[in-house]
């Protein structure tokens, strides 16, 4: 089953006076919809736009894996373990909050910053619960197209795909697949040899997302120019104990 959530359906948040514009795909912060609290292990997919100098002051996290994809600009990260970095377009950042960590995020550049931040609830970790893990941090600079990024402590893999118009890529076969369009437009469906629309296909544009359960034999293709996709392949739902 494939269900499309449009960019206009995202919950709007942030603080315009502080230069922060946030668009939530799931219930988050002051926005709560009991029918939209997550998908697979994904519990947040926020589009963030920060003006130069704007950011989020120090705040805590625990027992969550946070993956960030910078679309444009430069994101500065500082955390309570002493890790610091500047993350730029094409970089993947992961912070495993584990038993607890505090961090600061802000626009470190002179131009507007846009990034997509995605939160996943990890598994239970076997005999030791997820709360026992030490915080972790990593950045993959300039991740290559199509390189899978497996998120530790989860059964989730991020696939970054950049397609030219007409180019195709397989959608992972998985119990839960989440496809977010970063920029451009794509069609998702069973595909065909032709270049036009196919019955049953869905067209997605920037900010749109497809939530697919029991994905099998699907593909995505670029339309009307290049497209950038973030595709989550997930094989479990959250584990809470």
C-alpha atoms as a PDB file:
ATOM      1  CA  UNK A   1       0.000   0.000   0.000  1.00  0.00           C
ATOM      2  CA  UNK A   2       1.335   3.414  -0.991  1.00  0.00           C
ATOM      3  CA  UNK A   3       0.050   6.561   0.694  1.00  0.00           C
ATOM      4  CA  UNK A   4       1.225  10.060  -0.237  1.00  0.00           C
ATOM      5  CA  UNK A   5       1.541  12.907   2.252  1.00  0.00           C
ATOM      6  CA  UNK A   6       1.844  16.248   0.480  1.00  0.00           C
ATOM      7  CA  UNK A   7       4.121  19.088   1.488  1.00  0.00           C
ATOM      8  CA  UNK A   8       1.071  21.225   2.289  1.00  0.00           C
ATOM      9  CA  UNK A   9      -0.134  18.579   4.782  1.00  0.00           C
ATOM     10  CA  UNK A  10       2.911  19.052   7.002  1.00  0.00           C
ATOM     11  CA  UNK A  11       2.352  20.639  10.400  1.00  0.00           C
ATOM     12  CA  UNK A  12       3.877  24.121  10.536  1.00  0.00           C
ATOM     13  CA  UNK A  13       6.037  25.116  13.465  1.00  0.00           C
ATOM     14  CA  UNK A  14       9.084  27.158  14.306  1.00  0.00           C
ATOM     15  CA  UNK A  15       9.499  30.779  15.312  1.00  0.00           C
ATOM     16  CA  UNK A  16       9.394  33.321  12.501  1.00  0.00           C
ATOM     17  CA  UNK A  17      10.770  36.082  14.724  1.00  0.00           C
ATOM     18  CA  UNK A  18      13.798  33.894  15.505  1.00  0.00           C
ATOM     19  CA  UNK A  19      14.341  32.939  11.857  1.00  0.00           C
ATOM     20  CA  UNK A  20      13.133  29.333  12.262  1.00  0.00           C
ATOM     21  CA  UNK A  21      10.622  27.654   9.927  1.00  0.00           C
ATOM     22  CA  UNK A  22       9.817  23.990  10.701  1.00  0.00           C
ATOM     23  CA  UNK A  23       7.526  21.628   8.788  1.00  0.00           C
ATOM     24  CA  UNK A  24       6.683  18.325  10.522  1.00  0.00           C
ATOM     25  CA  UNK A  25       5.622  15.125   8.753  1.00  0.00           C
ATOM     26  CA  UNK A  26       4.506  13.454  12.022  1.00  0.00           C
ATOM     27  CA  UNK A  27       3.141  14.524  15.395  1.00  0.00           C
ATOM     28  CA  UNK A  28       5.893  16.576  16.970  1.00  0.00           C
ATOM     29  CA  UNK A  29       6.302  19.180  19.710  1.00  0.00           C
ATOM     30  CA  UNK A  30       2.988  21.059  19.981  1.00  0.00           C
ATOM     31  CA  UNK A  31       1.394  19.194  17.077  1.00  0.00           C
ATOM     32  CA  UNK A  32      -0.338  15.915  17.938  1.00  0.00           C
ATOM     33  CA  UNK A  33      -2.408  13.636  15.756  1.00  0.00           C
ATOM     34  CA  UNK A  34      -2.993  10.169  17.271  1.00  0.00           C
ATOM     35  CA  UNK A  35      -3.286   8.751  13.755  1.00  0.00           C
ATOM     36  CA  UNK A  36       0.078  10.181  12.660  1.00  0.00           C
ATOM     37  CA  UNK A  37       2.767   9.456  15.242  1.00  0.00           C
ATOM     38  CA  UNK A  38       5.247   7.513  13.131  1.00  0.00           C
ATOM     39  CA  UNK A  39       5.892   5.002  10.368  1.00  0.00           C
ATOM     40  CA  UNK A  40       8.064   1.946  10.885  1.00  0.00           C
ATOM     41  CA  UNK A  41      10.849   3.118  13.204  1.00  0.00           C
ATOM     42  CA  UNK A  42      10.603   6.681  11.872  1.00  0.00           C
ATOM     43  CA  UNK A  43       8.928   9.074  14.324  1.00  0.00           C
ATOM     44  CA  UNK A  44      10.011  12.454  12.900  1.00  0.00           C
ATOM     45  CA  UNK A  45      10.852  13.879   9.500  1.00  0.00           C
ATOM     46  CA  UNK A  46      11.212  17.643   9.883  1.00  0.00           C
ATOM     47  CA  UNK A  47      12.066  20.117   7.170  1.00  0.00           C
ATOM     48  CA  UNK A  48      14.023  22.887   8.884  1.00  0.00           C
ATOM     49  CA  UNK A  49      14.842  26.314   7.482  1.00  0.00           C
ATOM     50  CA  UNK A  50      17.103  28.591   9.532  1.00  0.00           C
ATOM     51  CA  UNK A  51      18.086  32.162   8.754  1.00  0.00           C
ATOM     52  CA  UNK A  52      21.785  33.074   9.174  1.00  0.00           C
ATOM     53  CA  UNK A  53      22.639  33.008  12.883  1.00  0.00           C
ATOM     54  CA  UNK A  54      19.372  31.282  13.833  1.00  0.00           C
ATOM     55  CA  UNK A  55      19.306  27.959  15.617  1.00  0.00           C
ATOM     56  CA  UNK A  56      18.163  25.733  18.438  1.00  0.00           C
ATOM     57  CA  UNK A  57      19.752  26.404  21.847  1.00  0.00           C
ATOM     58  CA  UNK A  58      21.099  23.536  23.933  1.00  0.00           C
ATOM     59  CA  UNK A  59      18.464  20.862  24.451  1.00  0.00           C
ATOM     60  CA  UNK A  60      18.466  17.175  25.518  1.00  0.00           C
ATOM     61  CA  UNK A  61      17.759  13.892  23.730  1.00  0.00           C
ATOM     62  CA  UNK A  62      17.858  10.272  24.804  1.00  0.00           C
ATOM     63  CA  UNK A  63      17.042   6.871  23.318  1.00  0.00           C
ATOM     64  CA  UNK A  64      16.667   8.114  19.742  1.00  0.00           C
ATOM     65  CA  UNK A  65      18.740   8.015  16.564  1.00  0.00           C
ATOM     66  CA  UNK A  66      18.777  11.401  14.799  1.00  0.00           C
ATOM     67  CA  UNK A  67      19.832  11.528  11.138  1.00  0.00           C
ATOM     68  CA  UNK A  68      20.261  14.880   9.383  1.00  0.00           C
ATOM     69  CA  UNK A  69      20.563  15.613   5.659  1.00  0.00           C
ATOM     70  CA  UNK A  70      21.673  19.137   4.742  1.00  0.00           C
ATOM     71  CA  UNK A  71      19.982  20.454   1.603  1.00  0.00           C
ATOM     72  CA  UNK A  72      21.761  23.803   1.408  1.00  0.00           C
ATOM     73  CA  UNK A  73      23.839  25.954   3.722  1.00  0.00           C
ATOM     74  CA  UNK A  74      25.997  24.987   6.693  1.00  0.00           C
ATOM     75  CA  UNK A  75      24.794  23.415   9.953  1.00  0.00           C
ATOM     76  CA  UNK A  76      26.899  23.685  13.097  1.00  0.00           C
ATOM     77  CA  UNK A  77      26.605  20.917  15.702  1.00  0.00           C
ATOM     78  CA  UNK A  78      27.962  21.090  19.272  1.00  0.00           C
ATOM     79  CA  UNK A  79      27.153  18.501  21.937  1.00  0.00           C
ATOM     80  CA  UNK A  80      27.801  17.666  25.571  1.00  0.00           C
ATOM     81  CA  UNK A  81      30.257  14.873  24.701  1.00  0.00           C
ATOM     82  CA  UNK A  82      32.603  17.429  23.133  1.00  0.00           C
ATOM     83  CA  UNK A  83      31.776  16.585  19.520  1.00  0.00           C
ATOM     84  CA  UNK A  84      31.518  19.499  17.091  1.00  0.00           C
ATOM     85  CA  UNK A  85      31.241  19.731  13.324  1.00  0.00           C
ATOM     86  CA  UNK A  86      29.977  21.744  10.407  1.00  0.00           C
ATOM     87  CA  UNK A  87      27.701  19.768   8.129  1.00  0.00           C
ATOM     88  CA  UNK A  88      27.168  20.860   4.534  1.00  0.00           C
ATOM     89  CA  UNK A  89      24.983  19.910   1.584  1.00  0.00           C
ATOM     90  CA  UNK A  90      25.452  16.259   0.680  1.00  0.00           C
ATOM     91  CA  UNK A  91      26.606  15.249   4.176  1.00  0.00           C
ATOM     92  CA  UNK A  92      24.790  12.762   6.414  1.00  0.00           C
ATOM     93  CA  UNK A  93      24.991  13.384  10.159  1.00  0.00           C
ATOM     94  CA  UNK A  94      23.959  10.822  12.792  1.00  0.00           C
ATOM     95  CA  UNK A  95      23.656  11.331  16.518  1.00  0.00           C
ATOM     96  CA  UNK A  96      22.769   8.322  18.639  1.00  0.00           C
ATOM     97  CA  UNK A  97      21.420   9.890  21.839  1.00  0.00           C
ATOM     98  CA  UNK A  98      21.675   6.656  23.839  1.00  0.00           C
ATOM     99  CA  UNK A  99      21.452   7.254  27.600  1.00  0.00           C
ATOM    100  CA  UNK A 100      21.354  11.012  27.097  1.00  0.00           C
ATOM    101  CA  UNK A 101      23.091  13.896  25.327  1.00  0.00           C
ATOM    102  CA  UNK A 102      22.598  17.645  24.980  1.00  0.00           C
ATOM    103  CA  UNK A 103      23.386  19.556  21.812  1.00  0.00           C
ATOM    104  CA  UNK A 104      23.157  22.869  19.967  1.00  0.00           C
ATOM    105  CA  UNK A 105      22.271  23.285  16.288  1.00  0.00           C
ATOM    106  CA  UNK A 106      22.524  26.541  14.366  1.00  0.00           C
ATOM    107  CA  UNK A 107      23.077  28.114  10.980  1.00  0.00           C
ATOM    108  CA  UNK A 108      26.820  28.734  10.963  1.00  0.00           C
ATOM    109  CA  UNK A 109      26.907  30.360   7.527  1.00  0.00           C
ATOM    110  CA  UNK A 110      25.955  33.646   5.919  1.00  0.00           C
ATOM    111  CA  UNK A 111      23.266  32.106   3.712  1.00  0.00           C
ATOM    112  CA  UNK A 112      19.924  30.463   4.567  1.00  0.00           C
ATOM    113  CA  UNK A 113      20.178  26.886   5.838  1.00  0.00           C
ATOM    114  CA  UNK A 114      17.797  24.075   4.932  1.00  0.00           C
ATOM    115  CA  UNK A 115      18.016  20.536   6.248  1.00  0.00           C
ATOM    116  CA  UNK A 116      15.865  17.459   6.771  1.00  0.00           C
ATOM    117  CA  UNK A 117      16.075  15.892  10.219  1.00  0.00           C
ATOM    118  CA  UNK A 118      14.753  12.396  10.807  1.00  0.00           C
ATOM    119  CA  UNK A 119      14.345  10.601  14.150  1.00  0.00           C
ATOM    120  CA  UNK A 120      14.172   6.840  14.590  1.00  0.00           C
ATOM    121  CA  UNK A 121      13.319   4.899  17.733  1.00  0.00           C
ATOM    122  CA  UNK A 122      15.906   2.123  18.153  1.00  0.00           C
ATOM    123  CA  UNK A 123      15.258  -1.492  19.031  1.00  0.00           C
ATOM    124  CA  UNK A 124      15.401  -2.795  22.567  1.00  0.00           C
ATOM    125  CA  UNK A 125      19.056  -3.880  22.291  1.00  0.00           C
ATOM    126  CA  UNK A 126      18.555  -7.448  23.525  1.00  0.00           C
ATOM    127  CA  UNK A 127      19.350  -7.995  27.217  1.00  0.00           C
ATOM    128  CA  UNK A 128      20.442  -4.390  27.661  1.00  0.00           C
ATOM    129  CA  UNK A 129      17.821  -1.760  27.016  1.00  0.00           C
ATOM    130  CA  UNK A 130      18.556   1.171  24.686  1.00  0.00           C
ATOM    131  CA  UNK A 131      18.978   3.532  27.676  1.00  0.00           C
ATOM    132  CA  UNK A 132      22.284   1.830  28.516  1.00  0.00           C
ATOM    133  CA  UNK A 133      24.048   2.935  25.320  1.00  0.00           C
ATOM    134  CA  UNK A 134      26.622   5.690  25.321  1.00  0.00           C
ATOM    135  CA  UNK A 135      25.915   8.622  22.965  1.00  0.00           C
ATOM    136  CA  UNK A 136      27.431   8.306  19.490  1.00  0.00           C
ATOM    137  CA  UNK A 137      28.135  10.825  16.739  1.00  0.00           C
ATOM    138  CA  UNK A 138      29.318  10.557  13.138  1.00  0.00           C
ATOM    139  CA  UNK A 139      29.282  12.480   9.864  1.00  0.00           C
ATOM    140  CA  UNK A 140      29.655  11.027   6.382  1.00  0.00           C
ATOM    141  CA  UNK A 141      30.884  13.859   4.191  1.00  0.00           C
ATOM    142  CA  UNK A 142      29.687  13.860   0.595  1.00  0.00           C
ATOM    143  CA  UNK A 143      27.954  10.486   0.661  1.00  0.00           C
ATOM    144  CA  UNK A 144      27.971   8.872  -2.767  1.00  0.00           C
ATOM    145  CA  UNK A 145      24.729   8.411  -4.630  1.00  0.00           C
ATOM    146  CA  UNK A 146      23.145   5.049  -3.895  1.00  0.00           C
ATOM    147  CA  UNK A 147      25.410   4.277  -0.932  1.00  0.00           C
ATOM    148  CA  UNK A 148      23.271   2.664   1.812  1.00  0.00           C
ATOM    149  CA  UNK A 149      23.614   4.218   5.271  1.00  0.00           C
ATOM    150  CA  UNK A 150      22.632   1.684   7.922  1.00  0.00           C
ATOM    151  CA  UNK A 151      21.600   3.280  11.217  1.00  0.00           C
ATOM    152  CA  UNK A 152      23.031   1.456  14.255  1.00  0.00           C
ATOM    153  CA  UNK A 153      20.600   0.116  16.873  1.00  0.00           C
ATOM    154  CA  UNK A 154      17.797   0.021  14.293  1.00  0.00           C
ATOM    155  CA  UNK A 155      16.615  -2.091  11.401  1.00  0.00           C
ATOM    156  CA  UNK A 156      16.630   0.950   9.118  1.00  0.00           C
ATOM    157  CA  UNK A 157      18.772   1.901   6.134  1.00  0.00           C
ATOM    158  CA  UNK A 158      18.836   5.286   4.412  1.00  0.00           C
ATOM    159  CA  UNK A 159      19.313   5.344   0.629  1.00  0.00           C
ATOM    160  CA  UNK A 160      20.213   8.689  -0.970  1.00  0.00           C
ATOM    161  CA  UNK A 161      19.324   8.816  -4.662  1.00  0.00           C
ATOM    162  CA  UNK A 162      19.857  11.629  -7.144  1.00  0.00           C
ATOM    163  CA  UNK A 163      18.193  10.957 -10.492  1.00  0.00           C
ATOM    164  CA  UNK A 164      18.271  12.746 -13.824  1.00  0.00           C
ATOM    165  CA  UNK A 165      15.026  13.188 -15.729  1.00  0.00           C
ATOM    166  CA  UNK A 166      13.889   9.767 -16.895  1.00  0.00           C
ATOM    167  CA  UNK A 167      16.421   7.907 -14.750  1.00  0.00           C
ATOM    168  CA  UNK A 168      15.056   5.108 -12.579  1.00  0.00           C
ATOM    169  CA  UNK A 169      15.957   3.477  -9.294  1.00  0.00           C
ATOM    170  CA  UNK A 170      14.503   0.540  -7.420  1.00  0.00           C
ATOM    171  CA  UNK A 171      12.510   1.230  -4.286  1.00  0.00           C
ATOM    172  CA  UNK A 172      13.720  -1.168  -1.561  1.00  0.00           C
ATOM    173  CA  UNK A 173      11.579  -4.206  -0.848  1.00  0.00           C
ATOM    174  CA  UNK A 174      10.718  -3.849   2.841  1.00  0.00           C
ATOM    175  CA  UNK A 175       7.882  -3.940   5.329  1.00  0.00           C
ATOM    176  CA  UNK A 176       8.039  -0.142   5.637  1.00  0.00           C
ATOM    177  CA  UNK A 177       9.504   2.277   3.069  1.00  0.00           C
ATOM    178  CA  UNK A 178       9.442   6.045   3.447  1.00  0.00           C
ATOM    179  CA  UNK A 179      10.412   8.187   0.445  1.00  0.00           C
ATOM    180  CA  UNK A 180      10.971  11.921   0.953  1.00  0.00           C
ATOM    181  CA  UNK A 181      11.486  14.228  -2.034  1.00  0.00           C
ATOM    182  CA  UNK A 182      14.191  16.752  -1.193  1.00  0.00           C
ATOM    183  CA  UNK A 183      14.037  18.603  -4.517  1.00  0.00           C
ATOM    184  CA  UNK A 184      12.619  18.070  -7.984  1.00  0.00           C
ATOM    185  CA  UNK A 185       9.836  15.644  -8.858  1.00  0.00           C
ATOM    186  CA  UNK A 186       9.514  11.884  -9.168  1.00  0.00           C
ATOM    187  CA  UNK A 187       6.967   9.217  -9.979  1.00  0.00           C
ATOM    188  CA  UNK A 188       6.728   6.090  -7.852  1.00  0.00           C
ATOM    189  CA  UNK A 189       5.004   2.908  -8.909  1.00  0.00           C
ATOM    190  CA  UNK A 190       5.456  -0.397 -10.672  1.00  0.00           C
ATOM    191  CA  UNK A 191       7.119   1.342 -13.636  1.00  0.00           C
ATOM    192  CA  UNK A 192       7.063   0.707 -17.352  1.00  0.00           C
ATOM    193  CA  UNK A 193       9.332   0.931 -20.370  1.00  0.00           C
ATOM    194  CA  UNK A 194       7.814   4.217 -21.485  1.00  0.00           C
ATOM    195  CA  UNK A 195       8.418   7.737 -20.260  1.00  0.00           C
ATOM    196  CA  UNK A 196       4.860   8.881 -19.617  1.00  0.00           C
ATOM    197  CA  UNK A 197       2.568   8.492 -16.646  1.00  0.00           C
ATOM    198  CA  UNK A 198       1.662   4.925 -15.680  1.00  0.00           C
ATOM    199  CA  UNK A 199      -1.689   3.931 -14.124  1.00  0.00           C
ATOM    200  CA  UNK A 200      -1.250   3.519 -10.381  1.00  0.00           C
ATOM    201  CA  UNK A 201       1.871   5.662 -10.239  1.00  0.00           C
ATOM    202  CA  UNK A 202       2.039   8.608  -7.844  1.00  0.00           C
ATOM    203  CA  UNK A 203       3.774  11.887  -8.648  1.00  0.00           C
ATOM    204  CA  UNK A 204       5.706  13.446  -5.761  1.00  0.00           C
ATOM    205  CA  UNK A 205       7.245  16.908  -5.657  1.00  0.00           C
ATOM    206  CA  UNK A 206       9.588  18.667  -3.231  1.00  0.00           C
ATOM    207  CA  UNK A 207       8.391  18.193   0.359  1.00  0.00           C
ATOM    208  CA  UNK A 208       6.060  15.324  -0.542  1.00  0.00           C
ATOM    209  CA  UNK A 209       6.577  11.855   0.931  1.00  0.00           C
ATOM    210  CA  UNK A 210       5.345   8.349   0.160  1.00  0.00           C
ATOM    211  CA  UNK A 211       4.671   5.877   2.971  1.00  0.00           C
ATOM    212  CA  UNK A 212       4.708   2.345   1.600  1.00  0.00           C
ATOM    213  CA  UNK A 213       3.869  -0.811   3.509  1.00  0.00           C
ATOM    214  CA  UNK A 214       5.026  -4.203   2.218  1.00  0.00           C
ATOM    215  CA  UNK A 215       6.887  -2.580  -0.693  1.00  0.00           C
ATOM    216  CA  UNK A 216       7.620  -5.002  -3.541  1.00  0.00           C
ATOM    217  CA  UNK A 217       8.883  -4.461  -7.077  1.00  0.00           C
ATOM    218  CA  UNK A 218       8.467  -0.686  -7.124  1.00  0.00           C
ATOM    219  CA  UNK A 219      10.635   1.973  -8.707  1.00  0.00           C
ATOM    220  CA  UNK A 220      11.073   5.736  -8.653  1.00  0.00           C
ATOM    221  CA  UNK A 221      11.995   7.828 -11.672  1.00  0.00           C
ATOM    222  CA  UNK A 222      12.865  11.459 -12.200  1.00  0.00           C
ATOM    223  CA  UNK A 223      10.422  13.653 -14.101  1.00  0.00           C
ATOM    224  CA  UNK A 224      10.662  17.249 -15.308  1.00  0.00           C
ATOM    225  CA  UNK A 225      14.361  17.500 -14.450  1.00  0.00           C
ATOM    226  CA  UNK A 226      16.691  16.143 -11.746  1.00  0.00           C
ATOM    227  CA  UNK A 227      15.327  14.877  -8.429  1.00  0.00           C
ATOM    228  CA  UNK A 228      16.880  14.112  -5.030  1.00  0.00           C
ATOM    229  CA  UNK A 229      15.299  11.424  -2.854  1.00  0.00           C
ATOM    230  CA  UNK A 230      15.799  10.125   0.664  1.00  0.00           C
ATOM    231  CA  UNK A 231      14.476   6.563   0.885  1.00  0.00           C
ATOM    232  CA  UNK A 232      14.153   4.753   4.217  1.00  0.00           C
ATOM    233  CA  UNK A 233      14.127   0.968   4.165  1.00  0.00           C
ATOM    234  CA  UNK A 234      12.767  -0.330   7.474  1.00  0.00           C
ATOM    235  CA  UNK A 235      12.187  -3.868   8.719  1.00  0.00           C
ATOM    236  CA  UNK A 236      10.840  -3.206  12.219  1.00  0.00           C
ATOM    237  CA  UNK A 237       8.652  -0.933  14.277  1.00  0.00           C
ATOM    238  CA  UNK A 238       9.912   0.829  17.427  1.00  0.00           C
ATOM    239  CA  UNK A 239      10.975  -1.245  20.429  1.00  0.00           C
ATOM    240  CA  UNK A 240      10.128   0.343  23.765  1.00  0.00           C
ATOM    241  CA  UNK A 241      11.482  -2.134  26.284  1.00  0.00           C
END
